[in-house]
Amino acid sequence: MRTRIIESMSRVPADAWNAVAGTANPFVQHAFLSTLEDTGCASPQSGWHPCHALCESDTGELLGALPLYLKTNPYGEFVFDYAWAGAYQRAGLSYYPKLVSAVPFTPATGPRLLVPAGPGQREIQAALIKAATAFAGEAGASSLHILFPEAAELSAVREAGLLLRKDCQFHWQNRGYSDFDHFLEGFTASKRKKTKRERRRVREAGITYRVRTGRDLSAADWERIMVPYSSTFLMRGREPYLDAAFFVEIGQRMPDSVLVFCAEQAGELAGISICFRSATTLYGRYWGANRFIDSLHFETCYYQGIDYCIAQGIARFEPGTQGEHKIARGFVPTETWSAHWLSHPQFAAAIDDYLERERAHIDEYMNVLGDHVPYKTAST
C-alpha cells in the first residue's frame, strides 16, 4: 500500500472514489464533494483547502480514501472548538491551520474512512489516519479532526490514538407507520392535540405543498428558492454556505438525491426546506421563508419530511443540528461523534480530560431530554 494527498476531487476518477465510498450516503459521493469544489463553495477562499488522502495498491488501485481539508477557520463544521482555539491563542500558539475530515457544511453522520469491508480494512483505515497526521506535520497544522464519523469507525480512530468527543442530535425513526395519524397514535393526548393544531394552522393559512426533486428544478426555480434560503443566513448576519450554482449543479448531477419541500400560498412560494435523501435516510439541511405564517417552520421542516418518509418507506429522518423543539415533534436524542488528534502533547492531555467530563454531561443531557419525548411509552 501507498498513500498520497490530492488537492482536488478532479484528481481521482469518480467511479474509483465511489467504489470505496459506497452508495449508502449521498454526501461522500464524488459528485457531491466535487460539486462543492467546482462551484467554489469548498475552496481556500471559504477556508476549505481540499487535501484528500488516498490509499492505493502498488498497481494504482484505489483501496480507500479520507475526505480531508486544511482549515483556516471554523466555518461550516458544526463541531465547535472555539474554546480550544482560544486556549491556543492565549498560550501564544496557533490553532490554525488544522486538518478536518468532514463533508463541508453538512453536520450529518456518515462514513469518513472510505474503505470497503473485507480483508485489510483496518490496515487501510490506519494507513489513511497515519497519512493525515503526517500531512498535518508537513502543513504546519495543529491537529486533525474527523467530524461525524459512523459508529463502526470509532474503534479504528480510537486505536489510532484520536480522542473521542460525544454530542447529540435529534432524529426520527420510522416504526412502520402507515400514515401520519398512525405515527401520532403513539403520542400522548396533549402532544397529539398540539401537533394537529400546528398542522391545521398551516392548512388554514392556505398553504399547500409540492415535493420537487433535482430533476424537476430549473436554474430559474433555484433562483427563487435561493431567496428564502438566503434570508435564514442573512437574518443572522452571515452569508449563505452554498450558492445557486451549487444547487443547480448538484440537482443535475444527483437529481434523485435532492428534494425541496415547497410551501405555496396563492400560487407564490412562501417557504422551503431543502433536503437530501438516500435509500434509508432523509437529511434535512436548509429552511427559509418569504413571510411569517404560524407553524410554517414546523410543517415545512418536520411534518412534511415525516409524511414523505412514511410514504416512501424511509427508515430515518435527520433534520440537522441542535433544536430541542424537535423533541415535541417526535424526534429523539441521538448520539453523534467526532475524533480529534492534537500534535501538542500538553494540550492533547488537557482536552482528553475535558472530553471525558463532557461525555458524562452529554449522557446526562440525553437522559433528561429522553424524559420529554411526546410518546406514551419509551418503546413506542
Protein backbone atom coordinates (compact mmCIF):
# COMPACT_ATOMS: atom_id res chain seq x y z
CA MET A 1 0.00 0.00 0.00
CA ARG A 2 0.95 3.61 -0.51
CA THR A 3 -0.74 6.85 0.45
CA ARG A 4 -0.80 10.26 -1.14
CA ILE A 5 -2.59 13.59 -0.83
CA ILE A 6 -4.55 15.14 -3.70
CA GLU A 7 -5.61 18.79 -3.88
CA SER A 8 -8.84 18.29 -5.80
CA MET A 9 -11.55 15.70 -6.33
CA SER A 10 -10.83 16.07 -10.04
CA ARG A 11 -7.57 14.17 -9.44
CA VAL A 12 -9.39 10.90 -8.71
CA PRO A 13 -11.85 9.15 -11.08
CA ALA A 14 -15.44 9.28 -9.89
CA ASP A 15 -16.03 5.55 -10.31
CA ALA A 16 -12.91 4.70 -8.28
CA TRP A 17 -13.88 7.07 -5.46
CA ASN A 18 -17.49 5.84 -5.37
CA ALA A 19 -16.30 2.23 -5.33
CA VAL A 20 -14.67 2.79 -1.93
CA ALA A 21 -17.28 5.29 -0.67
CA GLY A 22 -20.25 3.03 -1.40
CA THR A 23 -23.71 4.28 -2.31
CA ALA A 24 -25.39 4.45 1.10
CA ASN A 25 -24.55 8.07 1.91
CA PRO A 26 -25.04 10.87 -0.67
CA PHE A 27 -22.65 13.32 0.93
CA VAL A 28 -19.47 11.29 0.39
CA GLN A 29 -20.24 10.63 -3.26
CA HIS A 30 -17.74 12.03 -5.75
CA ALA A 31 -20.47 14.18 -7.32
CA PHE A 32 -21.33 15.93 -4.05
CA LEU A 33 -17.78 16.63 -2.93
CA SER A 34 -16.57 17.65 -6.38
CA THR A 35 -19.54 19.99 -6.88
CA LEU A 36 -18.64 21.77 -3.65
CA GLU A 37 -15.16 22.32 -5.06
CA ASP A 38 -16.13 23.08 -8.65
CA THR A 39 -18.57 25.83 -7.61
CA GLY A 40 -16.09 27.36 -5.15
CA CYS A 41 -18.21 26.67 -2.06
CA ALA A 42 -15.49 24.46 -0.55
CA SER A 43 -12.38 26.39 -1.51
CA PRO A 44 -9.43 28.21 0.04
CA GLN A 45 -11.49 31.40 -0.16
CA SER A 46 -14.10 29.93 2.20
CA GLY A 47 -11.47 28.35 4.44
CA TRP A 48 -11.70 24.82 3.00
CA HIS A 49 -8.46 23.75 1.26
CA PRO A 50 -9.03 20.28 -0.25
CA CYS A 51 -6.23 17.79 0.53
CA HIS A 52 -7.89 14.40 0.36
CA ALA A 53 -5.92 11.32 1.45
CA LEU A 54 -5.84 8.27 -0.81
CA CYS A 55 -4.58 4.77 -0.12
CA GLU A 56 -3.65 2.78 -3.22
CA SER A 57 -2.20 -0.59 -4.09
CA ASP A 58 1.18 -0.86 -5.79
CA THR A 59 -0.68 -1.18 -9.08
CA GLY A 60 -2.60 2.08 -8.51
CA GLU A 61 -5.94 0.60 -7.47
CA LEU A 62 -7.76 2.85 -5.01
CA LEU A 63 -8.18 0.95 -1.73
CA GLY A 64 -9.53 3.71 0.47
CA ALA A 65 -9.95 7.46 0.84
CA LEU A 66 -10.37 10.12 3.51
CA PRO A 67 -12.12 13.40 2.60
CA LEU A 68 -9.78 15.98 4.08
CA TYR A 69 -9.46 19.75 4.21
CA LEU A 70 -6.90 22.16 5.60
CA LYS A 71 -8.98 24.69 7.53
CA THR A 72 -8.13 28.29 8.35
CA ASN A 73 -11.38 28.97 10.22
CA PRO A 74 -14.22 27.01 11.94
CA TYR A 75 -16.73 27.94 9.20
CA GLY A 76 -19.28 25.26 8.35
CA GLU A 77 -18.06 22.47 10.64
CA PHE A 78 -20.79 22.18 13.35
CA VAL A 79 -18.43 20.61 15.90
CA PHE A 80 -17.48 23.63 17.94
CA ASP A 81 -13.92 24.04 19.14
CA TYR A 82 -13.80 27.81 19.66
CA ALA A 83 -12.61 27.32 23.24
CA TRP A 84 -9.73 25.18 22.05
CA ALA A 85 -8.65 27.80 19.54
CA GLY A 86 -8.90 30.47 22.23
CA ALA A 87 -6.75 28.45 24.62
CA TYR A 88 -4.08 28.03 21.94
CA GLN A 89 -4.12 31.77 21.29
CA ARG A 90 -3.76 32.60 24.99
CA ALA A 91 -0.80 30.23 25.15
CA GLY A 92 0.84 32.03 22.24
CA LEU A 93 0.29 29.12 19.85
CA SER A 94 -1.50 28.86 16.51
CA TYR A 95 -4.55 26.61 16.31
CA TYR A 96 -4.99 27.31 12.60
CA PRO A 97 -4.42 25.79 10.18
CA LYS A 98 -5.96 22.49 11.27
CA LEU A 99 -6.92 19.39 9.29
CA VAL A 100 -10.57 18.37 9.15
CA SER A 101 -12.13 15.24 7.71
CA ALA A 102 -15.73 16.19 7.08
CA VAL A 103 -18.31 16.99 4.46
CA PRO A 104 -18.30 20.80 4.27
CA PHE A 105 -21.42 22.48 5.67
CA THR A 106 -23.01 19.08 6.37
CA PRO A 107 -23.48 18.01 10.02
CA ALA A 108 -24.68 14.52 9.15
CA THR A 109 -23.17 11.27 10.38
CA GLY A 110 -21.65 9.20 7.61
CA PRO A 111 -18.52 7.28 6.59
CA ARG A 112 -15.26 9.21 6.72
CA LEU A 113 -12.72 6.38 6.40
CA LEU A 114 -13.93 5.27 2.99
CA VAL A 115 -12.76 1.68 2.93
CA PRO A 116 -14.91 -1.26 1.78
CA ALA A 117 -15.49 -4.01 4.31
CA GLY A 118 -13.28 -7.04 3.88
CA PRO A 119 -9.73 -8.25 4.41
CA GLY A 120 -7.30 -5.44 5.16
CA GLN A 121 -9.98 -2.88 6.03
CA ARG A 122 -8.47 -1.98 9.40
CA GLU A 123 -4.96 -1.72 7.94
CA ILE A 124 -6.16 0.63 5.20
CA GLN A 125 -8.07 2.75 7.74
CA ALA A 126 -4.93 3.00 9.87
CA ALA A 127 -2.86 3.95 6.84
CA LEU A 128 -5.26 6.79 5.98
CA ILE A 129 -5.17 8.20 9.51
CA LYS A 130 -1.39 7.93 9.57
CA ALA A 131 -1.19 9.74 6.22
CA ALA A 132 -3.44 12.51 7.58
CA THR A 133 -1.42 13.05 10.75
CA ALA A 134 1.82 13.01 8.74
CA PHE A 135 0.39 15.62 6.38
CA ALA A 136 -0.66 17.71 9.38
CA GLY A 137 3.02 17.94 10.35
CA GLU A 138 4.07 18.83 6.82
CA ALA A 139 1.38 21.52 6.55
CA GLY A 140 2.05 23.01 9.97
CA ALA A 141 -1.42 22.05 11.20
CA SER A 142 -2.09 21.90 14.91
CA SER A 143 -4.50 19.00 14.77
CA LEU A 144 -6.67 16.51 12.91
CA HIS A 145 -10.43 16.35 13.41
CA ILE A 146 -12.73 13.67 12.00
CA LEU A 147 -16.29 15.00 12.23
CA PHE A 148 -19.50 12.94 12.35
CA PRO A 149 -17.94 9.50 11.65
CA GLU A 150 -20.10 6.41 11.76
CA ALA A 151 -20.16 4.36 14.96
CA ALA A 152 -18.44 1.48 13.12
CA GLU A 153 -15.40 3.71 12.58
CA LEU A 154 -14.90 4.70 16.21
CA SER A 155 -12.73 1.72 17.14
CA ALA A 156 -10.35 2.46 14.25
CA VAL A 157 -9.89 6.10 15.21
CA ARG A 158 -9.53 5.20 18.88
CA GLU A 159 -6.83 2.64 18.06
CA ALA A 160 -5.02 5.34 16.07
CA GLY A 161 -4.83 7.48 19.23
CA LEU A 162 -7.56 10.01 18.45
CA LEU A 163 -9.74 11.37 21.25
CA LEU A 164 -13.48 10.79 21.01
CA ARG A 165 -15.99 13.58 21.51
CA LYS A 166 -19.69 12.90 22.02
CA ASP A 167 -22.60 15.17 21.13
CA CYS A 168 -26.33 14.91 20.48
CA GLN A 169 -28.76 15.50 17.64
CA PHE A 170 -32.48 14.73 17.34
CA HIS A 171 -33.56 12.07 14.83
CA TRP A 172 -36.85 10.43 13.85
CA GLN A 173 -37.30 6.70 13.36
CA ASN A 174 -39.93 5.14 11.11
CA ARG A 175 -41.50 2.31 13.07
CA GLY A 176 -43.56 1.00 10.19
CA TYR A 177 -46.18 3.75 10.28
CA SER A 178 -48.94 3.53 7.69
CA ASP A 179 -49.61 7.27 7.72
CA PHE A 180 -49.13 10.38 9.86
CA ASP A 181 -52.17 9.61 12.02
CA HIS A 182 -50.70 6.19 12.78
CA PHE A 183 -47.49 7.95 13.88
CA LEU A 184 -49.49 10.29 16.14
CA GLU A 185 -51.24 7.36 17.82
CA GLY A 186 -48.03 6.86 19.79
CA PHE A 187 -48.16 10.41 21.21
CA THR A 188 -49.73 11.38 24.49
CA ALA A 189 -53.12 13.05 24.06
CA SER A 190 -51.84 16.56 24.79
CA LYS A 191 -48.88 16.28 22.40
CA ARG A 192 -51.07 14.77 19.68
CA LYS A 193 -53.54 17.64 20.03
CA LYS A 194 -50.76 20.22 19.80
CA THR A 195 -49.30 18.66 16.65
CA LYS A 196 -52.68 18.52 14.94
CA ARG A 197 -53.27 22.17 15.85
CA GLU A 198 -49.94 23.21 14.31
CA ARG A 199 -50.72 21.39 11.09
CA ARG A 200 -54.23 22.86 10.98
CA ARG A 201 -52.92 26.41 11.29
CA VAL A 202 -50.81 25.93 8.18
CA ARG A 203 -53.70 24.47 6.19
CA GLU A 204 -55.99 27.29 7.31
CA ALA A 205 -53.43 29.79 6.02
CA GLY A 206 -53.97 28.32 2.56
CA ILE A 207 -50.58 26.61 2.36
CA THR A 208 -50.17 23.67 0.01
CA TYR A 209 -47.02 21.65 -0.63
CA ARG A 210 -45.13 20.32 -3.60
CA VAL A 211 -42.15 17.99 -3.23
CA ARG A 212 -39.72 18.60 -6.05
CA THR A 213 -36.55 16.67 -6.89
CA GLY A 214 -33.41 17.94 -8.51
CA ARG A 215 -34.62 16.77 -11.91
CA ASP A 216 -37.78 18.92 -11.52
CA LEU A 217 -35.97 22.18 -10.77
CA SER A 218 -34.58 24.58 -13.36
CA ALA A 219 -31.97 27.28 -12.78
CA ALA A 220 -34.83 29.79 -12.54
CA ASP A 221 -36.52 27.65 -9.89
CA TRP A 222 -33.33 27.57 -7.84
CA GLU A 223 -33.03 31.35 -8.06
CA ARG A 224 -36.49 31.64 -6.49
CA ILE A 225 -35.60 29.08 -3.83
CA MET A 226 -32.41 30.98 -3.01
CA VAL A 227 -34.42 33.97 -1.73
CA PRO A 228 -35.89 32.27 1.37
CA TYR A 229 -32.81 30.05 1.74
CA SER A 230 -30.51 33.07 1.88
CA SER A 231 -32.77 35.00 4.24
CA THR A 232 -32.20 32.47 7.01
CA PHE A 233 -28.47 33.20 6.91
CA LEU A 234 -28.75 36.94 6.34
CA MET A 235 -31.01 37.36 9.38
CA ARG A 236 -28.09 36.02 11.43
CA GLY A 237 -25.58 38.30 9.74
CA ARG A 238 -23.93 35.57 7.66
CA GLU A 239 -23.56 34.78 4.00
CA PRO A 240 -25.17 31.52 2.81
CA TYR A 241 -22.92 28.48 2.83
CA LEU A 242 -23.97 27.43 -0.67
CA ASP A 243 -24.93 29.38 -3.77
CA ALA A 244 -27.34 28.90 -6.65
CA ALA A 245 -24.57 27.48 -8.85
CA PHE A 246 -24.06 24.65 -6.36
CA PHE A 247 -27.74 23.75 -6.19
CA VAL A 248 -28.22 23.89 -9.96
CA GLU A 249 -25.19 21.64 -10.47
CA ILE A 250 -25.99 19.16 -7.71
CA GLY A 251 -29.59 18.98 -8.93
CA GLN A 252 -28.29 17.87 -12.29
CA ARG A 253 -25.57 15.52 -11.02
CA MET A 254 -27.58 13.92 -8.20
CA PRO A 255 -31.17 14.57 -9.33
CA ASP A 256 -32.86 11.93 -7.20
CA SER A 257 -30.91 12.75 -4.04
CA VAL A 258 -32.06 16.38 -3.85
CA LEU A 259 -35.52 17.23 -2.51
CA VAL A 260 -37.18 20.57 -1.90
CA PHE A 261 -40.40 20.83 0.08
CA CYS A 262 -42.08 23.92 -1.38
CA ALA A 263 -44.77 25.65 0.69
CA GLU A 264 -47.02 27.66 -1.63
CA GLN A 265 -49.68 30.24 -0.81
CA ALA A 266 -51.94 31.65 -3.52
CA GLY A 267 -49.53 30.35 -6.15
CA GLU A 268 -46.47 32.00 -4.61
CA LEU A 269 -43.55 30.45 -2.77
CA ALA A 270 -44.00 31.02 0.96
CA GLY A 271 -41.25 28.77 2.34
CA ILE A 272 -38.88 25.92 1.53
CA SER A 273 -36.99 23.09 3.11
CA ILE A 274 -34.02 21.74 1.15
CA CYS A 275 -33.25 18.09 1.90
CA PHE A 276 -31.17 15.21 0.60
CA ARG A 277 -32.06 11.54 0.72
CA SER A 278 -30.56 8.10 0.48
CA ALA A 279 -32.41 4.80 0.27
CA THR A 280 -32.77 4.73 4.06
CA THR A 281 -32.43 8.30 5.35
CA LEU A 282 -33.87 11.76 4.75
CA TYR A 283 -31.48 14.57 5.65
CA GLY A 284 -32.97 17.96 6.42
CA ARG A 285 -30.48 20.65 5.52
CA TYR A 286 -31.80 24.21 4.96
CA TRP A 287 -35.02 26.11 5.55
CA GLY A 288 -36.28 29.57 4.70
CA ALA A 289 -39.50 31.57 4.43
CA ASN A 290 -40.64 34.59 2.45
CA ARG A 291 -43.25 35.52 5.05
CA PHE A 292 -44.26 34.66 8.61
CA ILE A 293 -47.00 32.07 8.94
CA ASP A 294 -47.73 30.44 12.27
CA SER A 295 -46.24 26.92 12.49
CA LEU A 296 -44.90 27.07 8.91
CA HIS A 297 -41.41 26.13 10.12
CA PHE A 298 -42.63 23.00 11.93
CA GLU A 299 -44.73 21.85 8.97
CA THR A 300 -42.13 22.54 6.29
CA CYS A 301 -39.07 21.23 8.13
CA TYR A 302 -40.50 18.35 10.15
CA TYR A 303 -44.04 17.20 9.42
CA GLN A 304 -43.69 17.22 5.64
CA GLY A 305 -40.47 15.22 5.99
CA ILE A 306 -42.13 12.68 8.27
CA ASP A 307 -45.02 12.36 5.80
CA TYR A 308 -42.51 11.79 2.99
CA CYS A 309 -40.56 9.15 4.94
CA ILE A 310 -43.74 7.24 5.75
CA ALA A 311 -44.93 7.34 2.15
CA GLN A 312 -41.53 6.33 0.76
CA GLY A 313 -40.68 3.73 3.41
CA ILE A 314 -37.60 5.68 4.53
CA ALA A 315 -36.37 4.48 7.92
CA ARG A 316 -34.77 7.59 9.36
CA PHE A 317 -35.08 11.37 9.29
CA GLU A 318 -32.15 13.51 10.41
CA PRO A 319 -33.33 17.14 10.37
CA GLY A 320 -29.98 18.75 11.22
CA THR A 321 -28.19 20.09 14.26
CA GLN A 322 -29.46 21.42 17.57
CA GLY A 323 -33.07 22.37 18.31
CA GLU A 324 -34.65 20.90 21.44
CA HIS A 325 -38.02 21.98 19.99
CA LYS A 326 -37.71 18.95 17.70
CA ILE A 327 -38.41 16.63 20.65
CA ALA A 328 -42.07 17.67 20.86
CA ARG A 329 -42.41 16.79 17.15
CA GLY A 330 -41.30 13.19 17.63
CA PHE A 331 -37.51 13.42 17.22
CA VAL A 332 -35.45 11.71 19.91
CA PRO A 333 -31.95 12.39 21.31
CA THR A 334 -29.35 10.51 19.28
CA GLU A 335 -25.62 10.47 19.88
CA THR A 336 -23.13 11.80 17.36
CA TRP A 337 -19.34 11.64 17.47
CA SER A 338 -16.15 13.31 16.40
CA ALA A 339 -12.50 12.29 16.81
CA HIS A 340 -9.52 14.55 17.48
CA TRP A 341 -5.73 14.36 17.36
CA LEU A 342 -3.62 17.27 18.62
CA SER A 343 0.09 17.49 17.99
CA HIS A 344 0.81 19.41 21.21
CA PRO A 345 1.02 16.77 23.98
CA GLN A 346 0.05 19.08 26.85
CA PHE A 347 -2.99 20.39 25.03
CA ALA A 348 -3.92 16.85 23.99
CA ALA A 349 -3.85 15.72 27.62
CA ALA A 350 -5.93 18.70 28.77
CA ILE A 351 -8.53 18.16 26.04
CA ASP A 352 -8.65 14.43 26.76
CA ASP A 353 -9.58 15.24 30.37
CA TYR A 354 -12.17 17.77 29.20
CA LEU A 355 -13.77 15.35 26.76
CA GLU A 356 -14.17 12.69 29.43
CA ARG A 357 -16.13 15.13 31.59
CA GLU A 358 -18.06 16.43 28.59
CA ARG A 359 -19.18 12.91 27.63
CA ALA A 360 -20.66 12.43 31.09
CA HIS A 361 -22.53 15.72 30.70
CA ILE A 362 -23.88 14.70 27.26
CA ASP A 363 -25.06 11.37 28.67
CA GLU A 364 -26.92 13.17 31.45
CA TYR A 365 -28.35 15.70 28.98
CA MET A 366 -29.67 12.95 26.70
CA ASN A 367 -31.20 11.09 29.63
CA VAL A 368 -33.02 14.22 30.80
CA LEU A 369 -34.29 15.01 27.30
CA GLY A 370 -35.42 11.42 26.88
CA ASP A 371 -37.97 12.03 29.62
CA HIS A 372 -39.61 14.74 27.48
CA VAL A 373 -40.32 12.87 24.26
CA PRO A 374 -44.01 13.02 23.26
CA TYR A 375 -44.51 9.27 23.12
CA LYS A 376 -46.74 7.40 25.54
CA THR A 377 -44.00 4.92 26.40
CA ALA A 378 -40.27 4.70 25.72
CA SER A 379 -40.84 1.70 23.43
CA THR A 380 -43.40 3.46 21.20
